All heavy atoms as atom14 arrays in JSON, in Angstrom:
{
  "sequence": "EAMPTSEIIAKVAAGEYDLTVADSNLVDLELTWRSDIKAPFALGEPVA",
  "atom14_mask": [
    [1, 1, 1, 1, 1, 1, 1, 1, 1, 0, 0, 0, 0, 0],
    [1, 1, 1, 1, 1, 0, 0, 0, 0, 0, 0, 0, 0, 0],
    [1, 1, 1, 1, 1, 1, 1, 1, 0, 0, 0, 0, 0, 0],
    [1, 1, 1, 1, 1, 1, 1, 0, 0, 0, 0, 0, 0, 0],
    [1, 1, 1, 1, 1, 1, 1, 0, 0, 0, 0, 0, 0, 0],
    [1, 1, 1, 1, 1, 1, 0, 0, 0, 0, 0, 0, 0, 0],
    [1, 1, 1, 1, 1, 1, 1, 1, 1, 0, 0, 0, 0, 0],
    [1, 1, 1, 1, 1, 1, 1, 1, 0, 0, 0, 0, 0, 0],
    [1, 1, 1, 1, 1, 1, 1, 1, 0, 0, 0, 0, 0, 0],
    [1, 1, 1, 1, 1, 0, 0, 0, 0, 0, 0, 0, 0, 0],
    [1, 1, 1, 1, 1, 1, 1, 1, 1, 0, 0, 0, 0, 0],
    [1, 1, 1, 1, 1, 1, 1, 0, 0, 0, 0, 0, 0, 0],
    [1, 1, 1, 1, 1, 0, 0, 0, 0, 0, 0, 0, 0, 0],
    [1, 1, 1, 1, 1, 0, 0, 0, 0, 0, 0, 0, 0, 0],
    [1, 1, 1, 1, 0, 0, 0, 0, 0, 0, 0, 0, 0, 0],
    [1, 1, 1, 1, 1, 1, 1, 1, 1, 0, 0, 0, 0, 0],
    [1, 1, 1, 1, 1, 1, 1, 1, 1, 1, 1, 1, 0, 0],
    [1, 1, 1, 1, 1, 1, 1, 1, 0, 0, 0, 0, 0, 0],
    [1, 1, 1, 1, 1, 1, 1, 1, 0, 0, 0, 0, 0, 0],
    [1, 1, 1, 1, 1, 1, 1, 0, 0, 0, 0, 0, 0, 0],
    [1, 1, 1, 1, 1, 1, 1, 0, 0, 0, 0, 0, 0, 0],
    [1, 1, 1, 1, 1, 0, 0, 0, 0, 0, 0, 0, 0, 0],
    [1, 1, 1, 1, 1, 1, 1, 1, 0, 0, 0, 0, 0, 0],
    [1, 1, 1, 1, 1, 1, 0, 0, 0, 0, 0, 0, 0, 0],
    [1, 1, 1, 1, 1, 1, 1, 1, 0, 0, 0, 0, 0, 0],
    [1, 1, 1, 1, 1, 1, 1, 1, 0, 0, 0, 0, 0, 0],
    [1, 1, 1, 1, 1, 1, 1, 0, 0, 0, 0, 0, 0, 0],
    [1, 1, 1, 1, 1, 1, 1, 1, 0, 0, 0, 0, 0, 0],
    [1, 1, 1, 1, 1, 1, 1, 1, 0, 0, 0, 0, 0, 0],
    [1, 1, 1, 1, 1, 1, 1, 1, 1, 0, 0, 0, 0, 0],
    [1, 1, 1, 1, 1, 1, 1, 1, 0, 0, 0, 0, 0, 0],
    [1, 1, 1, 1, 1, 1, 1, 0, 0, 0, 0, 0, 0, 0],
    [1, 1, 1, 1, 1, 1, 1, 1, 1, 1, 1, 1, 1, 1],
    [1, 1, 1, 1, 1, 1, 1, 1, 1, 1, 1, 0, 0, 0],
    [1, 1, 1, 1, 1, 1, 0, 0, 0, 0, 0, 0, 0, 0],
    [1, 1, 1, 1, 1, 1, 1, 1, 0, 0, 0, 0, 0, 0],
    [1, 1, 1, 1, 1, 1, 1, 1, 0, 0, 0, 0, 0, 0],
    [1, 1, 1, 1, 1, 1, 1, 1, 1, 0, 0, 0, 0, 0],
    [1, 1, 1, 1, 1, 0, 0, 0, 0, 0, 0, 0, 0, 0],
    [1, 1, 1, 1, 1, 1, 1, 0, 0, 0, 0, 0, 0, 0],
    [1, 1, 1, 1, 1, 1, 1, 1, 1, 1, 1, 0, 0, 0],
    [1, 1, 1, 1, 1, 0, 0, 0, 0, 0, 0, 0, 0, 0],
    [1, 1, 1, 1, 1, 1, 1, 1, 0, 0, 0, 0, 0, 0],
    [1, 1, 1, 1, 0, 0, 0, 0, 0, 0, 0, 0, 0, 0],
    [1, 1, 1, 1, 1, 1, 1, 1, 1, 0, 0, 0, 0, 0],
    [1, 1, 1, 1, 1, 1, 1, 0, 0, 0, 0, 0, 0, 0],
    [1, 1, 1, 1, 1, 1, 1, 0, 0, 0, 0, 0, 0, 0],
    [1, 1, 1, 1, 1, 0, 0, 0, 0, 0, 0, 0, 0, 0]
  ],
  "atom14_positions": [
    [[-48.05, -51.53, -20.13], [-48.89, -50.4, -20.69], [-50.38, -50.43, -20.22], [-50.88, -49.4, -19.95], [-48.89, -50.54, -22.19], [-48.37, -49.28, -23.0], [-47.91, -47.97, -22.21], [-48.69, -47.2, -21.82], [-46.7, -47.86, -22.08], [0.0, 0.0, 0.0], [0.0, 0.0, 0.0], [0.0, 0.0, 0.0], [0.0, 0.0, 0.0], [0.0, 0.0, 0.0]],
    [[-50.86, -51.66, -20.08], [-52.28, -51.75, -19.83], [-52.57, -51.7, -18.25], [-53.71, -51.67, -17.8], [-52.91, -53.08, -20.3], [0.0, 0.0, 0.0], [0.0, 0.0, 0.0], [0.0, 0.0, 0.0], [0.0, 0.0, 0.0], [0.0, 0.0, 0.0], [0.0, 0.0, 0.0], [0.0, 0.0, 0.0], [0.0, 0.0, 0.0], [0.0, 0.0, 0.0]],
    [[-51.49, -51.66, -17.5], [-51.65, -51.65, -16.03], [-52.01, -50.32, -15.53], [-51.23, -49.33, -15.61], [-50.35, -52.08, -15.35], [-50.54, -52.33, -13.79], [-48.92, -52.88, -13.11], [-48.93, -54.55, -13.6], [0.0, 0.0, 0.0], [0.0, 0.0, 0.0], [0.0, 0.0, 0.0], [0.0, 0.0, 0.0], [0.0, 0.0, 0.0], [0.0, 0.0, 0.0]],
    [[-53.09, -50.15, -14.85], [-53.62, -48.83, -14.43], [-52.72, -48.42, -13.2], [-52.07, -49.24, -12.44], [-54.95, -49.08, -13.86], [-55.27, -50.52, -13.88], [-54.14, -51.22, -14.6], [0.0, 0.0, 0.0], [0.0, 0.0, 0.0], [0.0, 0.0, 0.0], [0.0, 0.0, 0.0], [0.0, 0.0, 0.0], [0.0, 0.0, 0.0], [0.0, 0.0, 0.0]],
    [[-52.67, -47.11, -12.91], [-51.81, -46.52, -11.92], [-52.18, -47.19, -10.49], [-51.25, -47.31, -9.66], [-51.88, -45.06, -11.99], [-51.46, -44.51, -13.25], [-51.07, -44.32, -10.8], [0.0, 0.0, 0.0], [0.0, 0.0, 0.0], [0.0, 0.0, 0.0], [0.0, 0.0, 0.0], [0.0, 0.0, 0.0], [0.0, 0.0, 0.0], [0.0, 0.0, 0.0]],
    [[-53.42, -47.43, -10.33], [-53.81, -47.86, -9.05], [-53.26, -49.25, -8.73], [-52.97, -49.61, -7.62], [-55.41, -47.9, -8.93], [-55.88, -48.84, -9.92], [0.0, 0.0, 0.0], [0.0, 0.0, 0.0], [0.0, 0.0, 0.0], [0.0, 0.0, 0.0], [0.0, 0.0, 0.0], [0.0, 0.0, 0.0], [0.0, 0.0, 0.0], [0.0, 0.0, 0.0]],
    [[-53.16, -50.02, -9.83], [-52.58, -51.37, -9.72], [-51.01, -51.25, -9.49], [-50.49, -52.09, -8.71], [-52.84, -52.18, -10.93], [-52.61, -53.74, -10.73], [-53.12, -54.51, -11.9], [-54.15, -54.17, -12.49], [-52.4, -55.56, -12.18], [0.0, 0.0, 0.0], [0.0, 0.0, 0.0], [0.0, 0.0, 0.0], [0.0, 0.0, 0.0], [0.0, 0.0, 0.0]],
    [[-50.43, -50.31, -10.06], [-48.96, -50.09, -9.89], [-48.74, -49.7, -8.48], [-47.87, -50.15, -7.75], [-48.4, -49.06, -10.81], [-48.49, -49.6, -12.26], [-46.99, -48.72, -10.45], [-48.21, -48.5, -13.35], [0.0, 0.0, 0.0], [0.0, 0.0, 0.0], [0.0, 0.0, 0.0], [0.0, 0.0, 0.0], [0.0, 0.0, 0.0], [0.0, 0.0, 0.0]],
    [[-49.69, -48.78, -7.96], [-49.54, -48.41, -6.51], [-49.7, -49.66, -5.58], [-49.0, -49.74, -4.54], [-50.55, -47.28, -6.18], [-50.1, -45.98, -6.86], [-50.75, -47.11, -4.66], [-51.27, -44.96, -6.86], [0.0, 0.0, 0.0], [0.0, 0.0, 0.0], [0.0, 0.0, 0.0], [0.0, 0.0, 0.0], [0.0, 0.0, 0.0], [0.0, 0.0, 0.0]],
    [[-50.65, -50.51, -5.87], [-50.88, -51.71, -5.05], [-49.64, -52.5, -5.06], [-49.24, -53.21, -4.01], [-52.03, -52.54, -5.67], [0.0, 0.0, 0.0], [0.0, 0.0, 0.0], [0.0, 0.0, 0.0], [0.0, 0.0, 0.0], [0.0, 0.0, 0.0], [0.0, 0.0, 0.0], [0.0, 0.0, 0.0], [0.0, 0.0, 0.0], [0.0, 0.0, 0.0]],
    [[-48.95, -52.65, -6.13], [-47.7, -53.43, -6.22], [-46.57, -52.75, -5.42], [-45.74, -53.51, -4.88], [-47.29, -53.68, -7.65], [-48.18, -54.69, -8.39], [-47.67, -54.91, -9.82], [-48.57, -55.94, -10.47], [-48.46, -57.33, -9.92], [0.0, 0.0, 0.0], [0.0, 0.0, 0.0], [0.0, 0.0, 0.0], [0.0, 0.0, 0.0], [0.0, 0.0, 0.0]],
    [[-46.5, -51.43, -5.39], [-45.64, -50.77, -4.4], [-45.9, -51.14, -3.04], [-45.08, -51.54, -2.23], [-45.62, -49.23, -4.7], [-44.87, -48.55, -3.56], [-45.02, -48.9, -6.1], [0.0, 0.0, 0.0], [0.0, 0.0, 0.0], [0.0, 0.0, 0.0], [0.0, 0.0, 0.0], [0.0, 0.0, 0.0], [0.0, 0.0, 0.0], [0.0, 0.0, 0.0]],
    [[-47.22, -51.05, -2.6], [-47.62, -51.3, -1.27], [-47.3, -52.81, -0.88], [-46.97, -53.07, 0.26], [-49.16, -51.07, -1.21], [0.0, 0.0, 0.0], [0.0, 0.0, 0.0], [0.0, 0.0, 0.0], [0.0, 0.0, 0.0], [0.0, 0.0, 0.0], [0.0, 0.0, 0.0], [0.0, 0.0, 0.0], [0.0, 0.0, 0.0], [0.0, 0.0, 0.0]],
    [[-47.37, -53.75, -1.84], [-47.08, -55.04, -1.64], [-45.57, -55.46, -1.67], [-45.15, -56.58, -1.37], [-47.86, -55.98, -2.59], [0.0, 0.0, 0.0], [0.0, 0.0, 0.0], [0.0, 0.0, 0.0], [0.0, 0.0, 0.0], [0.0, 0.0, 0.0], [0.0, 0.0, 0.0], [0.0, 0.0, 0.0], [0.0, 0.0, 0.0], [0.0, 0.0, 0.0]],
    [[-44.74, -54.47, -2.03], [-43.39, -54.7, -2.1], [-42.93, -55.32, -3.4], [-41.67, -55.7, -3.49], [0.0, 0.0, 0.0], [0.0, 0.0, 0.0], [0.0, 0.0, 0.0], [0.0, 0.0, 0.0], [0.0, 0.0, 0.0], [0.0, 0.0, 0.0], [0.0, 0.0, 0.0], [0.0, 0.0, 0.0], [0.0, 0.0, 0.0], [0.0, 0.0, 0.0]],
    [[-43.79, -55.38, -4.32], [-43.39, -56.05, -5.68], [-42.57, -55.02, -6.43], [-41.77, -55.33, -7.25], [-44.61, -56.56, -6.45], [-45.22, -57.6, -5.76], [-46.58, -58.01, -6.38], [-46.48, -58.15, -7.69], [-47.6, -58.2, -5.71], [0.0, 0.0, 0.0], [0.0, 0.0, 0.0], [0.0, 0.0, 0.0], [0.0, 0.0, 0.0], [0.0, 0.0, 0.0]],
    [[-42.95, -53.73, -6.32], [-42.26, -52.6, -7.0], [-41.68, -51.73, -5.85], [-42.24, -51.46, -4.87], [-43.18, -51.78, -7.85], [-43.79, -52.46, -9.11], [-44.87, -51.9, -9.7], [-43.13, -53.6, -9.73], [-45.31, -52.5, -10.88], [-43.62, -54.16, -10.89], [-44.68, -53.65, -11.45], [-45.32, -54.23, -12.61], [0.0, 0.0, 0.0], [0.0, 0.0, 0.0]],
    [[-40.57, -51.07, -6.23], [-39.96, -50.2, -5.22], [-40.76, -49.02, -5.07], [-41.25, -48.67, -3.96], [-38.52, -49.97, -5.7], [-37.57, -49.12, -4.7], [-38.02, -49.19, -3.47], [-36.59, -48.68, -5.07], [0.0, 0.0, 0.0], [0.0, 0.0, 0.0], [0.0, 0.0, 0.0], [0.0, 0.0, 0.0], [0.0, 0.0, 0.0], [0.0, 0.0, 0.0]],
    [[-40.81, -48.08, -5.99], [-41.52, -46.8, -6.01], [-42.25, -46.55, -7.29], [-42.04, -47.22, -8.31], [-40.45, -45.66, -5.88], [-39.54, -45.67, -4.74], [-38.38, -44.71, -4.97], [-40.24, -45.37, -3.4], [0.0, 0.0, 0.0], [0.0, 0.0, 0.0], [0.0, 0.0, 0.0], [0.0, 0.0, 0.0], [0.0, 0.0, 0.0], [0.0, 0.0, 0.0]],
    [[-43.28, -45.6, -7.29], [-43.93, -45.21, -8.47], [-44.3, -43.68, -8.33], [-43.92, -43.07, -7.35], [-45.22, -46.08, -8.78], [-45.59, -45.77, -10.14], [-46.28, -45.76, -7.82], [0.0, 0.0, 0.0], [0.0, 0.0, 0.0], [0.0, 0.0, 0.0], [0.0, 0.0, 0.0], [0.0, 0.0, 0.0], [0.0, 0.0, 0.0], [0.0, 0.0, 0.0]],
    [[-44.92, -43.22, -9.33], [-45.32, -41.75, -9.33], [-46.85, -41.78, -9.77], [-47.27, -42.52, -10.68], [-44.48, -40.95, -10.36], [-45.11, -39.56, -10.48], [-43.15, -40.95, -9.91], [0.0, 0.0, 0.0], [0.0, 0.0, 0.0], [0.0, 0.0, 0.0], [0.0, 0.0, 0.0], [0.0, 0.0, 0.0], [0.0, 0.0, 0.0], [0.0, 0.0, 0.0]],
    [[-47.64, -40.87, -9.25], [-49.0, -40.77, -9.57], [-49.44, -39.34, -9.3], [-48.85, -38.59, -8.49], [-49.96, -41.7, -8.68], [0.0, 0.0, 0.0], [0.0, 0.0, 0.0], [0.0, 0.0, 0.0], [0.0, 0.0, 0.0], [0.0, 0.0, 0.0], [0.0, 0.0, 0.0], [0.0, 0.0, 0.0], [0.0, 0.0, 0.0], [0.0, 0.0, 0.0]],
    [[-50.46, -38.9, -10.02], [-50.93, -37.51, -9.82], [-51.59, -37.49, -8.53], [-52.14, -38.4, -7.87], [-52.08, -37.28, -10.9], [-51.53, -37.01, -12.32], [-50.29, -36.64, -12.4], [-52.31, -37.21, -13.37], [0.0, 0.0, 0.0], [0.0, 0.0, 0.0], [0.0, 0.0, 0.0], [0.0, 0.0, 0.0], [0.0, 0.0, 0.0], [0.0, 0.0, 0.0]],
    [[-51.48, -36.24, -7.94], [-51.98, -36.02, -6.53], [-53.34, -36.38, -6.32], [-53.92, -36.93, -5.18], [-51.75, -34.6, -6.18], [-52.31, -33.64, -7.05], [0.0, 0.0, 0.0], [0.0, 0.0, 0.0], [0.0, 0.0, 0.0], [0.0, 0.0, 0.0], [0.0, 0.0, 0.0], [0.0, 0.0, 0.0], [0.0, 0.0, 0.0], [0.0, 0.0, 0.0]],
    [[-54.27, -36.25, -7.32], [-55.67, -36.56, -7.18], [-55.88, -38.1, -7.09], [-56.67, -38.6, -6.23], [-56.58, -35.98, -8.21], [-56.28, -36.37, -9.58], [-55.13, -36.87, -9.86], [-57.13, -36.42, -10.5], [0.0, 0.0, 0.0], [0.0, 0.0, 0.0], [0.0, 0.0, 0.0], [0.0, 0.0, 0.0], [0.0, 0.0, 0.0], [0.0, 0.0, 0.0]],
    [[-55.06, -38.84, -7.8], [-55.14, -40.37, -7.62], [-54.57, -40.88, -6.28], [-55.05, -41.73, -5.74], [-54.35, -40.99, -8.84], [-54.94, -40.62, -10.19], [-54.01, -41.3, -11.3], [-56.33, -41.06, -10.33], [0.0, 0.0, 0.0], [0.0, 0.0, 0.0], [0.0, 0.0, 0.0], [0.0, 0.0, 0.0], [0.0, 0.0, 0.0], [0.0, 0.0, 0.0]],
    [[-53.42, -40.15, -5.81], [-52.85, -40.49, -4.54], [-53.91, -40.16, -3.47], [-54.11, -41.06, -2.53], [-51.54, -39.71, -4.3], [-51.02, -40.0, -2.9], [-50.5, -40.16, -5.29], [0.0, 0.0, 0.0], [0.0, 0.0, 0.0], [0.0, 0.0, 0.0], [0.0, 0.0, 0.0], [0.0, 0.0, 0.0], [0.0, 0.0, 0.0], [0.0, 0.0, 0.0]],
    [[-54.53, -39.07, -3.46], [-55.58, -38.65, -2.57], [-56.63, -39.77, -2.53], [-57.01, -40.13, -1.45], [-56.16, -37.32, -2.82], [-55.22, -36.07, -2.57], [-54.19, -36.33, -1.85], [-55.43, -35.12, -2.99], [0.0, 0.0, 0.0], [0.0, 0.0, 0.0], [0.0, 0.0, 0.0], [0.0, 0.0, 0.0], [0.0, 0.0, 0.0], [0.0, 0.0, 0.0]],
    [[-57.05, -40.2, -3.65], [-58.08, -41.2, -3.79], [-57.6, -42.49, -3.09], [-58.41, -43.11, -2.29], [-58.45, -41.48, -5.23], [-59.53, -42.38, -5.56], [-60.91, -41.81, -5.08], [-59.68, -42.45, -7.08], [0.0, 0.0, 0.0], [0.0, 0.0, 0.0], [0.0, 0.0, 0.0], [0.0, 0.0, 0.0], [0.0, 0.0, 0.0], [0.0, 0.0, 0.0]],
    [[-56.4, -42.95, -3.4], [-55.89, -44.29, -2.78], [-55.74, -44.05, -1.27], [-55.95, -45.0, -0.55], [-54.49, -44.5, -3.37], [-54.55, -44.89, -4.85], [-55.28, -46.24, -5.23], [-54.87, -47.12, -4.36], [-56.07, -46.25, -5.91], [0.0, 0.0, 0.0], [0.0, 0.0, 0.0], [0.0, 0.0, 0.0], [0.0, 0.0, 0.0], [0.0, 0.0, 0.0]],
    [[-55.31, -42.86, -0.81], [-55.16, -42.66, 0.67], [-56.45, -42.58, 1.48], [-56.41, -42.7, 2.63], [-54.25, -41.37, 0.88], [-52.79, -41.57, 0.42], [-52.11, -40.16, 0.56], [-52.04, -42.52, 1.34], [0.0, 0.0, 0.0], [0.0, 0.0, 0.0], [0.0, 0.0, 0.0], [0.0, 0.0, 0.0], [0.0, 0.0, 0.0], [0.0, 0.0, 0.0]],
    [[-57.57, -42.52, 0.72], [-58.84, -42.5, 1.54], [-59.13, -43.91, 2.05], [-59.96, -44.07, 2.95], [-60.03, -41.99, 0.73], [-60.12, -42.84, -0.51], [-59.89, -40.66, 0.16], [0.0, 0.0, 0.0], [0.0, 0.0, 0.0], [0.0, 0.0, 0.0], [0.0, 0.0, 0.0], [0.0, 0.0, 0.0], [0.0, 0.0, 0.0], [0.0, 0.0, 0.0]],
    [[-58.47, -44.9, 1.42], [-58.76, -46.29, 1.87], [-57.55, -47.18, 2.18], [-57.68, -48.29, 2.6], [-59.73, -47.05, 0.74], [-59.07, -47.23, -0.5], [-58.97, -46.47, -1.54], [-58.54, -48.51, -0.87], [-58.35, -47.06, -2.58], [-57.97, -48.35, -2.25], [-58.36, -49.7, -0.3], [-57.42, -49.3, -2.96], [-57.8, -50.77, -1.03], [-57.26, -50.44, -2.22]],
    [[-56.33, -46.66, 1.92], [-55.15, -47.43, 2.12], [-54.41, -46.78, 3.21], [-54.28, -45.47, 3.28], [-54.23, -47.51, 0.83], [-54.77, -47.84, -0.51], [-53.65, -47.93, -1.42], [-53.01, -49.12, -1.07], [-52.97, -50.23, -1.9], [-53.79, -50.27, -2.9], [-52.51, -51.3, -1.51], [0.0, 0.0, 0.0], [0.0, 0.0, 0.0], [0.0, 0.0, 0.0]],
    [[-53.74, -47.6, 3.94], [-52.75, -46.98, 5.02], [-51.39, -47.56, 4.84], [-50.53, -47.35, 5.65], [-53.31, -47.29, 6.4], [-53.36, -48.75, 6.62], [0.0, 0.0, 0.0], [0.0, 0.0, 0.0], [0.0, 0.0, 0.0], [0.0, 0.0, 0.0], [0.0, 0.0, 0.0], [0.0, 0.0, 0.0], [0.0, 0.0, 0.0], [0.0, 0.0, 0.0]],
    [[-51.21, -48.28, 3.67], [-49.95, -48.87, 3.47], [-48.93, -48.15, 2.52], [-47.91, -48.71, 2.11], [-50.02, -50.31, 3.07], [-51.01, -50.54, 1.85], [-51.46, -49.38, 1.36], [-51.31, -51.64, 1.35], [0.0, 0.0, 0.0], [0.0, 0.0, 0.0], [0.0, 0.0, 0.0], [0.0, 0.0, 0.0], [0.0, 0.0, 0.0], [0.0, 0.0, 0.0]],
    [[-49.37, -46.95, 2.07], [-48.56, -46.18, 1.16], [-48.48, -44.78, 1.72], [-49.2, -44.46, 2.58], [-49.07, -46.1, -0.28], [-50.5, -45.53, -0.29], [-49.09, -47.45, -0.88], [-50.95, -45.07, -1.61], [0.0, 0.0, 0.0], [0.0, 0.0, 0.0], [0.0, 0.0, 0.0], [0.0, 0.0, 0.0], [0.0, 0.0, 0.0], [0.0, 0.0, 0.0]],
    [[-47.46, -44.05, 1.06], [-47.42, -42.53, 1.41], [-46.92, -41.84, 0.11], [-46.38, -42.43, -0.81], [-46.51, -42.29, 2.48], [-45.04, -42.61, 2.32], [-44.22, -42.33, 3.52], [-42.76, -42.76, 3.3], [-41.9, -42.4, 4.49], [0.0, 0.0, 0.0], [0.0, 0.0, 0.0], [0.0, 0.0, 0.0], [0.0, 0.0, 0.0], [0.0, 0.0, 0.0]],
    [[-47.08, -40.56, 0.07], [-46.67, -39.67, -0.96], [-45.6, -38.59, -0.38], [-46.21, -37.55, -0.03], [-47.73, -39.13, -1.75], [0.0, 0.0, 0.0], [0.0, 0.0, 0.0], [0.0, 0.0, 0.0], [0.0, 0.0, 0.0], [0.0, 0.0, 0.0], [0.0, 0.0, 0.0], [0.0, 0.0, 0.0], [0.0, 0.0, 0.0], [0.0, 0.0, 0.0]],
    [[-44.46, -38.92, -0.23], [-43.62, -38.05, 0.6], [-43.2, -36.65, -0.05], [-42.99, -35.66, 0.65], [-42.29, -38.84, 0.73], [-42.31, -39.89, -0.37], [-43.77, -40.12, -0.69], [0.0, 0.0, 0.0], [0.0, 0.0, 0.0], [0.0, 0.0, 0.0], [0.0, 0.0, 0.0], [0.0, 0.0, 0.0], [0.0, 0.0, 0.0], [0.0, 0.0, 0.0]],
    [[-43.33, -36.56, -1.48], [-43.01, -35.3, -2.09], [-43.51, -35.25, -3.49], [-43.69, -36.28, -4.21], [-41.5, -34.85, -1.93], [-40.58, -35.88, -2.57], [-40.19, -35.8, -3.92], [-39.99, -36.75, -1.68], [-39.4, -36.75, -4.37], [-39.14, -37.71, -2.21], [-38.88, -37.68, -3.6], [0.0, 0.0, 0.0], [0.0, 0.0, 0.0], [0.0, 0.0, 0.0]],
    [[-43.66, -33.96, -3.94], [-44.02, -33.81, -5.45], [-42.75, -33.67, -6.22], [-41.72, -33.25, -5.69], [-44.86, -32.55, -5.59], [0.0, 0.0, 0.0], [0.0, 0.0, 0.0], [0.0, 0.0, 0.0], [0.0, 0.0, 0.0], [0.0, 0.0, 0.0], [0.0, 0.0, 0.0], [0.0, 0.0, 0.0], [0.0, 0.0, 0.0], [0.0, 0.0, 0.0]],
    [[-42.83, -34.04, -7.47], [-41.69, -34.18, -8.29], [-41.54, -32.68, -9.12], [-40.62, -32.57, -10.01], [-41.69, -35.18, -9.42], [-41.7, -36.62, -8.87], [-41.76, -37.66, -9.83], [-40.43, -36.81, -8.0], [0.0, 0.0, 0.0], [0.0, 0.0, 0.0], [0.0, 0.0, 0.0], [0.0, 0.0, 0.0], [0.0, 0.0, 0.0], [0.0, 0.0, 0.0]],
    [[-42.36, -31.86, -8.79], [-42.33, -30.48, -9.62], [-43.58, -29.69, -9.21], [-44.22, -29.97, -8.28], [0.0, 0.0, 0.0], [0.0, 0.0, 0.0], [0.0, 0.0, 0.0], [0.0, 0.0, 0.0], [0.0, 0.0, 0.0], [0.0, 0.0, 0.0], [0.0, 0.0, 0.0], [0.0, 0.0, 0.0], [0.0, 0.0, 0.0], [0.0, 0.0, 0.0]],
    [[-43.74, -28.68, -9.98], [-44.85, -27.79, -9.89], [-46.18, -28.46, -10.33], [-46.09, -29.38, -11.2], [-44.67, -26.55, -10.62], [-43.48, -25.66, -10.19], [-43.63, -25.2, -8.83], [-44.72, -24.69, -8.52], [-42.65, -25.29, -7.94], [0.0, 0.0, 0.0], [0.0, 0.0, 0.0], [0.0, 0.0, 0.0], [0.0, 0.0, 0.0], [0.0, 0.0, 0.0]],
    [[-47.33, -27.99, -9.92], [-48.56, -28.62, -10.41], [-48.59, -28.46, -11.92], [-48.16, -27.61, -12.61], [-49.7, -27.67, -9.8], [-48.97, -27.25, -8.46], [-47.54, -27.01, -8.84], [0.0, 0.0, 0.0], [0.0, 0.0, 0.0], [0.0, 0.0, 0.0], [0.0, 0.0, 0.0], [0.0, 0.0, 0.0], [0.0, 0.0, 0.0], [0.0, 0.0, 0.0]],
    [[-49.3, -29.51, -12.54], [-49.45, -29.52, -13.96], [-50.93, -29.56, -14.36], [-51.76, -29.91, -13.46], [-48.86, -30.71, -14.62], [-47.33, -30.7, -14.47], [-49.24, -32.07, -13.92], [0.0, 0.0, 0.0], [0.0, 0.0, 0.0], [0.0, 0.0, 0.0], [0.0, 0.0, 0.0], [0.0, 0.0, 0.0], [0.0, 0.0, 0.0], [0.0, 0.0, 0.0]],
    [[-51.21, -28.98, -15.55], [-52.62, -28.9, -15.95], [-53.09, -30.23, -16.52], [-52.43, -30.94, -17.13], [-52.78, -27.85, -17.11], [0.0, 0.0, 0.0], [0.0, 0.0, 0.0], [0.0, 0.0, 0.0], [0.0, 0.0, 0.0], [0.0, 0.0, 0.0], [0.0, 0.0, 0.0], [0.0, 0.0, 0.0], [0.0, 0.0, 0.0], [0.0, 0.0, 0.0]]
  ]
}
């Protein structure tokens, strides 16, 4: 519960976790400095 989404993403990048989900703004933020992940598709329509 206390693990931030950015840390979960880092564990995906390192191969410790298989996949995760994150809001597009957080993914965009991670992609500005990481080249070891991708966001292949959205799981639905945009949310508020």
